[in-house]
PDB file of all heavy atoms in Angstrom:
ATOM      1  N   TYR A   1       8.578 -17.419  15.689  1.00  0.00           N
ATOM      2  CA  TYR A   1       7.519 -16.937  16.590  1.00  0.00           C
ATOM      3  C   TYR A   1       6.215 -17.508  16.278  1.00  0.00           C
ATOM      4  O   TYR A   1       5.971 -17.974  15.030  1.00  0.00           O
ATOM      5  CB  TYR A   1       7.417 -15.410  16.511  1.00  0.00           C
ATOM      6  CG  TYR A   1       8.734 -14.789  17.087  1.00  0.00           C
ATOM      7  CD1 TYR A   1       9.812 -14.574  16.326  1.00  0.00           C
ATOM      8  CD2 TYR A   1       8.937 -14.583  18.503  1.00  0.00           C
ATOM      9  CE1 TYR A   1      10.992 -14.011  16.841  1.00  0.00           C
ATOM     10  CE2 TYR A   1      10.015 -13.911  18.960  1.00  0.00           C
ATOM     11  CZ  TYR A   1      11.171 -13.712  18.169  1.00  0.00           C
ATOM     12  OH  TYR A   1      12.263 -13.301  18.737  1.00  0.00           O
ATOM     13  N   SER A   2       5.289 -17.538  17.120  1.00  0.00           N
ATOM     14  CA  SER A   2       3.998 -18.168  16.980  1.00  0.00           C
ATOM     15  C   SER A   2       3.273 -17.590  15.776  1.00  0.00           C
ATOM     16  O   SER A   2       2.417 -18.507  15.192  1.00  0.00           O
ATOM     17  CB  SER A   2       3.082 -18.027  18.204  1.00  0.00           C
ATOM     18  OG  SER A   2       2.797 -16.684  18.505  1.00  0.00           O
ATOM     19  N   ASP A   3       3.393 -16.476  15.388  1.00  0.00           N
ATOM     20  CA  ASP A   3       2.660 -15.833  14.246  1.00  0.00           C
ATOM     21  C   ASP A   3       3.429 -15.567  12.939  1.00  0.00           C
ATOM     22  O   ASP A   3       2.922 -15.013  11.982  1.00  0.00           O
ATOM     23  CB  ASP A   3       1.784 -14.842  14.677  1.00  0.00           C
ATOM     24  CG  ASP A   3       2.634 -13.662  15.326  1.00  0.00           C
ATOM     25  OD1 ASP A   3       3.818 -13.763  15.213  1.00  0.00           O
ATOM     26  OD2 ASP A   3       2.055 -12.686  15.920  1.00  0.00           O
ATOM     27  N   SER A   4       4.827 -15.876  13.044  1.00  0.00           N
ATOM     28  CA  SER A   4       5.567 -15.342  11.946  1.00  0.00           C
ATOM     29  C   SER A   4       5.381 -16.259  10.754  1.00  0.00           C
ATOM     30  O   SER A   4       5.497 -15.718   9.532  1.00  0.00           O
ATOM     31  CB  SER A   4       7.103 -15.234  12.381  1.00  0.00           C
ATOM     32  OG  SER A   4       7.597 -16.560  12.938  1.00  0.00           O
ATOM     33  N   ALA A   5       5.157 -17.574  10.802  1.00  0.00           N
ATOM     34  CA  ALA A   5       5.058 -18.444   9.601  1.00  0.00           C
ATOM     35  C   ALA A   5       3.832 -18.044   8.729  1.00  0.00           C
ATOM     36  O   ALA A   5       3.926 -18.133   7.607  1.00  0.00           O
ATOM     37  CB  ALA A   5       4.846 -19.925  10.090  1.00  0.00           C
ATOM     38  N   ALA A   6       2.785 -17.620   9.369  1.00  0.00           N
ATOM     39  CA  ALA A   6       1.594 -17.141   8.593  1.00  0.00           C
ATOM     40  C   ALA A   6       1.948 -15.904   7.555  1.00  0.00           C
ATOM     41  O   ALA A   6       1.266 -15.872   6.586  1.00  0.00           O
ATOM     42  CB  ALA A   6       0.480 -16.775   9.505  1.00  0.00           C
ATOM     43  N   SER A   7       2.937 -15.227   8.005  1.00  0.00           N
ATOM     44  CA  SER A   7       3.280 -14.092   7.160  1.00  0.00           C
ATOM     45  C   SER A   7       4.404 -14.557   6.067  1.00  0.00           C
ATOM     46  O   SER A   7       4.181 -14.151   4.928  1.00  0.00           O
ATOM     47  CB  SER A   7       3.812 -12.893   8.028  1.00  0.00           C
ATOM     48  OG  SER A   7       2.746 -12.058   8.550  1.00  0.00           O
ATOM     49  N   TYR A   8       5.338 -15.147   6.578  1.00  0.00           N
ATOM     50  CA  TYR A   8       6.476 -15.526   5.651  1.00  0.00           C
ATOM     51  C   TYR A   8       6.278 -16.679   4.833  1.00  0.00           C
ATOM     52  O   TYR A   8       6.916 -16.707   3.690  1.00  0.00           O
ATOM     53  CB  TYR A   8       7.713 -15.651   6.537  1.00  0.00           C
ATOM     54  CG  TYR A   8       8.345 -14.484   7.150  1.00  0.00           C
ATOM     55  CD1 TYR A   8       8.438 -14.472   8.707  1.00  0.00           C
ATOM     56  CD2 TYR A   8       8.528 -13.283   6.608  1.00  0.00           C
ATOM     57  CE1 TYR A   8       8.876 -13.410   9.283  1.00  0.00           C
ATOM     58  CE2 TYR A   8       9.050 -12.188   7.196  1.00  0.00           C
ATOM     59  CZ  TYR A   8       9.251 -12.308   8.605  1.00  0.00           C
ATOM     60  OH  TYR A   8       9.670 -11.117   9.314  1.00  0.00           O
ATOM     61  N   GLY A   9       5.401 -17.604   5.214  1.00  0.00           N
ATOM     62  CA  GLY A   9       5.116 -18.708   4.371  1.00  0.00           C
ATOM     63  C   GLY A   9       5.966 -19.890   4.364  1.00  0.00           C
ATOM     64  O   GLY A   9       5.568 -21.085   4.546  1.00  0.00           O
ATOM     65  N   THR A  10       7.182 -19.608   3.932  1.00  0.00           N
ATOM     66  CA  THR A  10       8.199 -20.636   3.763  1.00  0.00           C
ATOM     67  C   THR A  10       9.473 -20.090   4.375  1.00  0.00           C
ATOM     68  O   THR A  10       9.815 -18.925   4.391  1.00  0.00           O
ATOM     69  CB  THR A  10       8.477 -21.187   2.453  1.00  0.00           C
ATOM     70  OG1 THR A  10       9.034 -19.919   1.560  1.00  0.00           O
ATOM     71  CG2 THR A  10       7.071 -21.501   1.787  1.00  0.00           C
ATOM     72  N   GLU A  11      10.434 -21.125   4.704  1.00  0.00           N
ATOM     73  CA  GLU A  11      11.884 -20.788   5.267  1.00  0.00           C
ATOM     74  C   GLU A  11      12.561 -20.054   4.020  1.00  0.00           C
ATOM     75  O   GLU A  11      13.424 -19.105   4.330  1.00  0.00           O
ATOM     76  CB  GLU A  11      12.463 -21.923   5.657  1.00  0.00           C
ATOM     77  CG  GLU A  11      13.940 -21.738   6.238  1.00  0.00           C
ATOM     78  CD  GLU A  11      13.781 -20.888   7.550  1.00  0.00           C
ATOM     79  OE1 GLU A  11      12.749 -21.002   8.253  1.00  0.00           O
ATOM     80  OE2 GLU A  11      14.658 -20.173   7.888  1.00  0.00           O
ATOM     81  N   ALA A  12      12.273 -20.698   2.845  1.00  0.00           N
ATOM     82  CA  ALA A  12      13.144 -20.076   1.690  1.00  0.00           C
ATOM     83  C   ALA A  12      12.660 -18.556   1.336  1.00  0.00           C
ATOM     84  O   ALA A  12      13.664 -17.746   1.187  1.00  0.00           O
ATOM     85  CB  ALA A  12      12.851 -20.784   0.459  1.00  0.00           C
ATOM     86  N   ASN A  13      11.433 -18.273   1.555  1.00  0.00           N
ATOM     87  CA  ASN A  13      11.033 -16.885   1.254  1.00  0.00           C
ATOM     88  C   ASN A  13      11.557 -15.984   2.383  1.00  0.00           C
ATOM     89  O   ASN A  13      12.081 -14.869   2.030  1.00  0.00           O
ATOM     90  CB  ASN A  13       9.495 -16.805   1.418  1.00  0.00           C
ATOM     91  CG  ASN A  13       8.935 -15.497   1.166  1.00  0.00           C
ATOM     92  OD1 ASN A  13       9.338 -14.685   0.233  1.00  0.00           O
ATOM     93  ND2 ASN A  13       7.991 -15.038   1.993  1.00  0.00           N
ATOM     94  N   PHE A  14      11.626 -16.487   3.729  1.00  0.00           N
ATOM     95  CA  PHE A  14      11.954 -15.618   4.750  1.00  0.00           C
ATOM     96  C   PHE A  14      13.580 -15.362   4.548  1.00  0.00           C
ATOM     97  O   PHE A  14      14.021 -14.217   4.663  1.00  0.00           O
ATOM     98  CB  PHE A  14      11.872 -16.273   6.074  1.00  0.00           C
ATOM     99  CG  PHE A  14      12.483 -15.711   7.194  1.00  0.00           C
ATOM    100  CD1 PHE A  14      12.143 -14.488   7.683  1.00  0.00           C
ATOM    101  CD2 PHE A  14      13.540 -16.423   7.821  1.00  0.00           C
ATOM    102  CE1 PHE A  14      12.806 -13.925   8.839  1.00  0.00           C
ATOM    103  CE2 PHE A  14      14.350 -15.781   8.876  1.00  0.00           C
ATOM    104  CZ  PHE A  14      13.983 -14.537   9.424  1.00  0.00           C
ATOM    105  N   GLN A  15      14.337 -16.372   4.305  1.00  0.00           N
ATOM    106  CA  GLN A  15      15.845 -16.155   4.199  1.00  0.00           C
ATOM    107  C   GLN A  15      16.169 -15.294   2.930  1.00  0.00           C
ATOM    108  O   GLN A  15      17.013 -14.666   2.987  1.00  0.00           O
ATOM    109  CB  GLN A  15      16.444 -17.539   4.034  1.00  0.00           C
ATOM    110  CG  GLN A  15      16.392 -18.331   5.454  1.00  0.00           C
ATOM    111  CD  GLN A  15      17.111 -19.730   5.304  1.00  0.00           C
ATOM    112  OE1 GLN A  15      17.760 -19.913   4.309  1.00  0.00           O
ATOM    113  NE2 GLN A  15      17.029 -20.576   6.463  1.00  0.00           N
ATOM    114  N   ALA A  16      15.461 -15.472   1.917  1.00  0.00           N
ATOM    115  CA  ALA A  16      15.829 -14.788   0.684  1.00  0.00           C
ATOM    116  C   ALA A  16      15.350 -13.355   0.715  1.00  0.00           C
ATOM    117  O   ALA A  16      16.075 -12.521   0.085  1.00  0.00           O
ATOM    118  CB  ALA A  16      15.296 -15.508  -0.626  1.00  0.00           C
ATOM    119  N   ASN A  17      14.328 -13.091   1.332  1.00  0.00           N
ATOM    120  CA  ASN A  17      13.693 -11.612   1.086  1.00  0.00           C
ATOM    121  C   ASN A  17      13.396 -10.879   2.434  1.00  0.00           C
ATOM    122  O   ASN A  17      13.267  -9.709   2.271  1.00  0.00           O
ATOM    123  CB  ASN A  17      12.240 -11.909   0.443  1.00  0.00           C
ATOM    124  CG  ASN A  17      12.291 -12.590  -0.843  1.00  0.00           C
ATOM    125  OD1 ASN A  17      13.080 -12.086  -1.701  1.00  0.00           O
ATOM    126  ND2 ASN A  17      11.636 -13.745  -0.956  1.00  0.00           N
ATOM    127  N   TYR A  18      13.607 -11.409   3.627  1.00  0.00           N
ATOM    128  CA  TYR A  18      13.252 -10.702   4.872  1.00  0.00           C
ATOM    129  C   TYR A  18      14.075 -10.825   5.957  1.00  0.00           C
ATOM    130  O   TYR A  18      14.151  -9.952   6.856  1.00  0.00           O
ATOM    131  CB  TYR A  18      11.860 -11.103   5.229  1.00  0.00           C
ATOM    132  CG  TYR A  18      10.831 -10.797   4.132  1.00  0.00           C
ATOM    133  CD1 TYR A  18      10.302 -11.838   3.394  1.00  0.00           C
ATOM    134  CD2 TYR A  18      10.356  -9.579   3.900  1.00  0.00           C
ATOM    135  CE1 TYR A  18       9.357 -11.750   2.430  1.00  0.00           C
ATOM    136  CE2 TYR A  18       9.525  -9.250   2.790  1.00  0.00           C
ATOM    137  CZ  TYR A  18       8.927 -10.414   2.106  1.00  0.00           C
ATOM    138  OH  TYR A  18       8.075 -10.134   1.105  1.00  0.00           O
ATOM    139  N   GLN A  19      15.009 -11.814   6.092  1.00  0.00           N
ATOM    140  CA  GLN A  19      15.917 -11.932   7.247  1.00  0.00           C
ATOM    141  C   GLN A  19      16.974 -10.812   7.237  1.00  0.00           C
ATOM    142  O   GLN A  19      17.652 -10.657   6.249  1.00  0.00           O
ATOM    143  CB  GLN A  19      16.512 -13.361   7.246  1.00  0.00           C
ATOM    144  CG  GLN A  19      17.310 -13.564   8.491  1.00  0.00           C
ATOM    145  CD  GLN A  19      17.910 -14.965   8.538  1.00  0.00           C
ATOM    146  OE1 GLN A  19      17.901 -15.808   7.541  1.00  0.00           O
ATOM    147  NE2 GLN A  19      18.436 -15.408   9.706  1.00  0.00           N
ATOM    148  N   LEU A  20      17.157 -10.169   8.374  1.00  0.00           N
ATOM    149  CA  LEU A  20      17.966  -9.136   8.533  1.00  0.00           C
ATOM    150  C   LEU A  20      19.434  -9.602   8.785  1.00  0.00           C
ATOM    151  O   LEU A  20      20.004  -9.350   9.787  1.00  0.00           O
ATOM    152  CB  LEU A  20      17.601  -8.160   9.592  1.00  0.00           C
ATOM    153  CG  LEU A  20      16.193  -7.434   9.257  1.00  0.00           C
ATOM    154  CD1 LEU A  20      15.786  -6.639  10.566  1.00  0.00           C
ATOM    155  CD2 LEU A  20      16.202  -6.558   8.195  1.00  0.00           C
ATOM    156  N   THR A  21      19.964 -10.152   7.712  1.00  0.00           N
ATOM    157  CA  THR A  21      21.429 -10.770   7.825  1.00  0.00           C
ATOM    158  C   THR A  21      22.341  -9.751   7.193  1.00  0.00           C
ATOM    159  O   THR A  21      21.994  -8.622   6.520  1.00  0.00           O
ATOM    160  CB  THR A  21      21.479 -12.030   6.836  1.00  0.00           C
ATOM    161  OG1 THR A  21      21.183 -11.678   5.541  1.00  0.00           O
ATOM    162  CG2 THR A  21      20.502 -13.025   7.346  1.00  0.00           C
ATOM    163  N   PRO A  22      23.731  -9.918   7.533  1.00  0.00           N
ATOM    164  CA  PRO A  22      24.677  -9.032   6.932  1.00  0.00           C
ATOM    165  C   PRO A  22      24.624  -8.919   5.377  1.00  0.00           C
ATOM    166  O   PRO A  22      24.706  -7.783   4.939  1.00  0.00           O
ATOM    167  CB  PRO A  22      26.059  -9.682   7.407  1.00  0.00           C
ATOM    168  CG  PRO A  22      25.714 -10.361   8.685  1.00  0.00           C
ATOM    169  CD  PRO A  22      24.316 -10.869   8.485  1.00  0.00           C
ATOM    170  N   SER A  23      24.438 -10.045   4.808  1.00  0.00           N
ATOM    171  CA  SER A  23      24.353  -9.937   3.245  1.00  0.00           C
ATOM    172  C   SER A  23      23.078  -9.141   2.815  1.00  0.00           C
ATOM    173  O   SER A  23      23.121  -8.339   1.807  1.00  0.00           O
ATOM    174  CB  SER A  23      24.284 -11.380   2.792  1.00  0.00           C
ATOM    175  OG  SER A  23      23.198 -12.167   3.199  1.00  0.00           O
ATOM    176  N   PHE A  24      21.995  -9.281   3.515  1.00  0.00           N
ATOM    177  CA  PHE A  24      20.812  -8.599   3.247  1.00  0.00           C
ATOM    178  C   PHE A  24      20.996  -7.093   3.317  1.00  0.00           C
ATOM    179  O   PHE A  24      20.690  -6.286   2.508  1.00  0.00           O
ATOM    180  CB  PHE A  24      19.616  -9.056   4.220  1.00  0.00           C
ATOM    181  CG  PHE A  24      18.260  -8.400   3.975  1.00  0.00           C
ATOM    182  CD1 PHE A  24      17.332  -8.892   3.109  1.00  0.00           C
ATOM    183  CD2 PHE A  24      18.000  -7.128   4.547  1.00  0.00           C
ATOM    184  CE1 PHE A  24      16.012  -8.348   2.870  1.00  0.00           C
ATOM    185  CE2 PHE A  24      16.726  -6.512   4.321  1.00  0.00           C
ATOM    186  CZ  PHE A  24      15.819  -7.198   3.502  1.00  0.00           C
ATOM    187  N   VAL A  25      21.442  -6.700   4.506  1.00  0.00           N
ATOM    188  CA  VAL A  25      21.751  -5.241   4.696  1.00  0.00           C
ATOM    189  C   VAL A  25      22.710  -4.672   3.776  1.00  0.00           C
ATOM    190  O   VAL A  25      22.581  -3.674   3.211  1.00  0.00           O
ATOM    191  CB  VAL A  25      22.184  -4.973   6.205  1.00  0.00           C
ATOM    192  CG1 VAL A  25      22.653  -3.608   6.388  1.00  0.00           C
ATOM    193  CG2 VAL A  25      21.153  -5.384   7.193  1.00  0.00           C
ATOM    194  N   LYS A  26      23.816  -5.457   3.420  1.00  0.00           N
ATOM    195  CA  LYS A  26      24.840  -5.034   2.609  1.00  0.00           C
ATOM    196  C   LYS A  26      24.198  -4.795   1.219  1.00  0.00           C
ATOM    197  O   LYS A  26      24.493  -3.843   0.531  1.00  0.00           O
ATOM    198  CB  LYS A  26      25.904  -6.040   2.439  1.00  0.00           C
ATOM    199  CG  LYS A  26      27.187  -5.682   1.613  1.00  0.00           C
ATOM    200  CD  LYS A  26      28.186  -6.778   1.609  1.00  0.00           C
ATOM    201  CE  LYS A  26      29.468  -6.357   0.710  1.00  0.00           C
ATOM    202  NZ  LYS A  26      30.132  -5.267   1.396  1.00  0.00           N
ATOM    203  N   ASN A  27      23.263  -5.594   0.814  1.00  0.00           N
ATOM    204  CA  ASN A  27      22.665  -5.538  -0.564  1.00  0.00           C
ATOM    205  C   ASN A  27      21.957  -4.340  -0.800  1.00  0.00           C
ATOM    206  O   ASN A  27      21.775  -3.726  -1.802  1.00  0.00           O
ATOM    207  CB  ASN A  27      21.852  -6.743  -0.754  1.00  0.00           C
ATOM    208  CG  ASN A  27      21.281  -6.894  -2.210  1.00  0.00           C
ATOM    209  OD1 ASN A  27      21.937  -6.683  -3.171  1.00  0.00           O
ATOM    210  ND2 ASN A  27      19.898  -7.148  -2.301  1.00  0.00           N
ATOM    211  N   TYR A  28      21.289  -3.766   0.423  1.00  0.00           N
ATOM    212  CA  TYR A  28      20.417  -2.653   0.297  1.00  0.00           C
ATOM    213  C   TYR A  28      21.039  -1.384   0.921  1.00  0.00           C
ATOM    214  O   TYR A  28      20.360  -0.399   1.063  1.00  0.00           O
ATOM    215  CB  TYR A  28      19.006  -3.010   0.866  1.00  0.00           C
ATOM    216  CG  TYR A  28      18.251  -4.060   0.260  1.00  0.00           C
ATOM    217  CD1 TYR A  28      18.115  -5.318   0.668  1.00  0.00           C
ATOM    218  CD2 TYR A  28      17.716  -3.825  -1.003  1.00  0.00           C
ATOM    219  CE1 TYR A  28      17.422  -6.322   0.143  1.00  0.00           C
ATOM    220  CE2 TYR A  28      16.911  -4.743  -1.778  1.00  0.00           C
ATOM    221  CZ  TYR A  28      16.828  -6.060  -1.099  1.00  0.00           C
ATOM    222  OH  TYR A  28      16.117  -7.009  -1.743  1.00  0.00           O
ATOM    223  N   ALA A  29      22.284  -1.430   1.289  1.00  0.00           N
ATOM    224  CA  ALA A  29      22.853  -0.424   2.149  1.00  0.00           C
ATOM    225  C   ALA A  29      23.149   0.924   1.443  1.00  0.00           C
ATOM    226  O   ALA A  29      22.936   2.071   2.028  1.00  0.00           O
ATOM    227  CB  ALA A  29      24.174  -0.819   2.689  1.00  0.00           C
ATOM    228  N   ALA A  30      23.311   0.842   0.177  1.00  0.00           N
ATOM    229  CA  ALA A  30      23.803   2.141  -0.561  1.00  0.00           C
ATOM    230  C   ALA A  30      23.104   3.343  -0.382  1.00  0.00           C
ATOM    231  O   ALA A  30      23.709   4.461  -0.116  1.00  0.00           O
ATOM    232  CB  ALA A  30      23.989   1.758  -2.099  1.00  0.00           C
ATOM    233  N   PRO A  31      21.767   3.303  -0.570  1.00  0.00           N
ATOM    234  CA  PRO A  31      20.970   4.652  -0.352  1.00  0.00           C
ATOM    235  C   PRO A  31      21.112   5.191   1.109  1.00  0.00           C
ATOM    236  O   PRO A  31      20.570   6.302   1.387  1.00  0.00           O
ATOM    237  CB  PRO A  31      19.622   4.312  -0.680  1.00  0.00           C
ATOM    238  CG  PRO A  31      19.636   3.024  -1.550  1.00  0.00           C
ATOM    239  CD  PRO A  31      20.833   2.335  -0.947  1.00  0.00           C
ATOM    240  N   PHE A  32      21.571   4.371   2.086  1.00  0.00           N
ATOM    241  CA  PHE A  32      21.532   4.845   3.421  1.00  0.00           C
ATOM    242  C   PHE A  32      22.840   5.083   4.043  1.00  0.00           C
ATOM    243  O   PHE A  32      23.047   5.337   5.195  1.00  0.00           O
ATOM    244  CB  PHE A  32      20.834   3.655   4.251  1.00  0.00           C
ATOM    245  CG  PHE A  32      19.526   3.281   3.839  1.00  0.00           C
ATOM    246  CD1 PHE A  32      19.314   2.305   2.706  1.00  0.00           C
ATOM    247  CD2 PHE A  32      18.352   4.128   4.222  1.00  0.00           C
ATOM    248  CE1 PHE A  32      17.996   2.022   2.339  1.00  0.00           C
ATOM    249  CE2 PHE A  32      17.089   3.810   3.853  1.00  0.00           C
ATOM    250  CZ  PHE A  32      16.931   2.752   2.872  1.00  0.00           C
ATOM    251  N   THR A  33      23.982   5.176   3.068  1.00  0.00           N
ATOM    252  CA  THR A  33      25.265   5.576   3.579  1.00  0.00           C
ATOM    253  C   THR A  33      25.586   7.042   3.482  1.00  0.00           C
ATOM    254  O   THR A  33      26.549   7.319   4.104  1.00  0.00           O
ATOM    255  CB  THR A  33      26.262   4.710   2.790  1.00  0.00           C
ATOM    256  OG1 THR A  33      26.086   5.085   1.433  1.00  0.00           O
ATOM    257  CG2 THR A  33      26.135   3.216   2.927  1.00  0.00           C
ATOM    258  N   THR A  34      24.776   7.767   2.884  1.00  0.00           N
ATOM    259  CA  THR A  34      25.104   9.249   2.813  1.00  0.00           C
ATOM    260  C   THR A  34      24.084  10.109   3.712  1.00  0.00           C
ATOM    261  O   THR A  34      24.412  11.338   3.747  1.00  0.00           O
ATOM    262  CB  THR A  34      24.955   9.614   1.398  1.00  0.00           C
ATOM    263  OG1 THR A  34      23.662   9.327   0.888  1.00  0.00           O
ATOM    264  CG2 THR A  34      26.064   8.954   0.440  1.00  0.00           C
ATOM    265  N   ALA A  35      22.969   9.583   4.063  1.00  0.00           N
ATOM    266  CA  ALA A  35      22.128  10.390   4.821  1.00  0.00           C
ATOM    267  C   ALA A  35      21.457   9.477   6.014  1.00  0.00           C
ATOM    268  O   ALA A  35      21.298   8.210   5.760  1.00  0.00           O
ATOM    269  CB  ALA A  35      21.044  10.937   4.023  1.00  0.00           C
TER     270      ALA A  35
END
């Protein structure tokens, strides 16, 4: 998007820390499986 690069900075940062991929969600899912 026209303004997303200014926030994420680099492709590596986006993919490692912010992209809503299956592996990303799986990594953080545990606290959200019971409530």
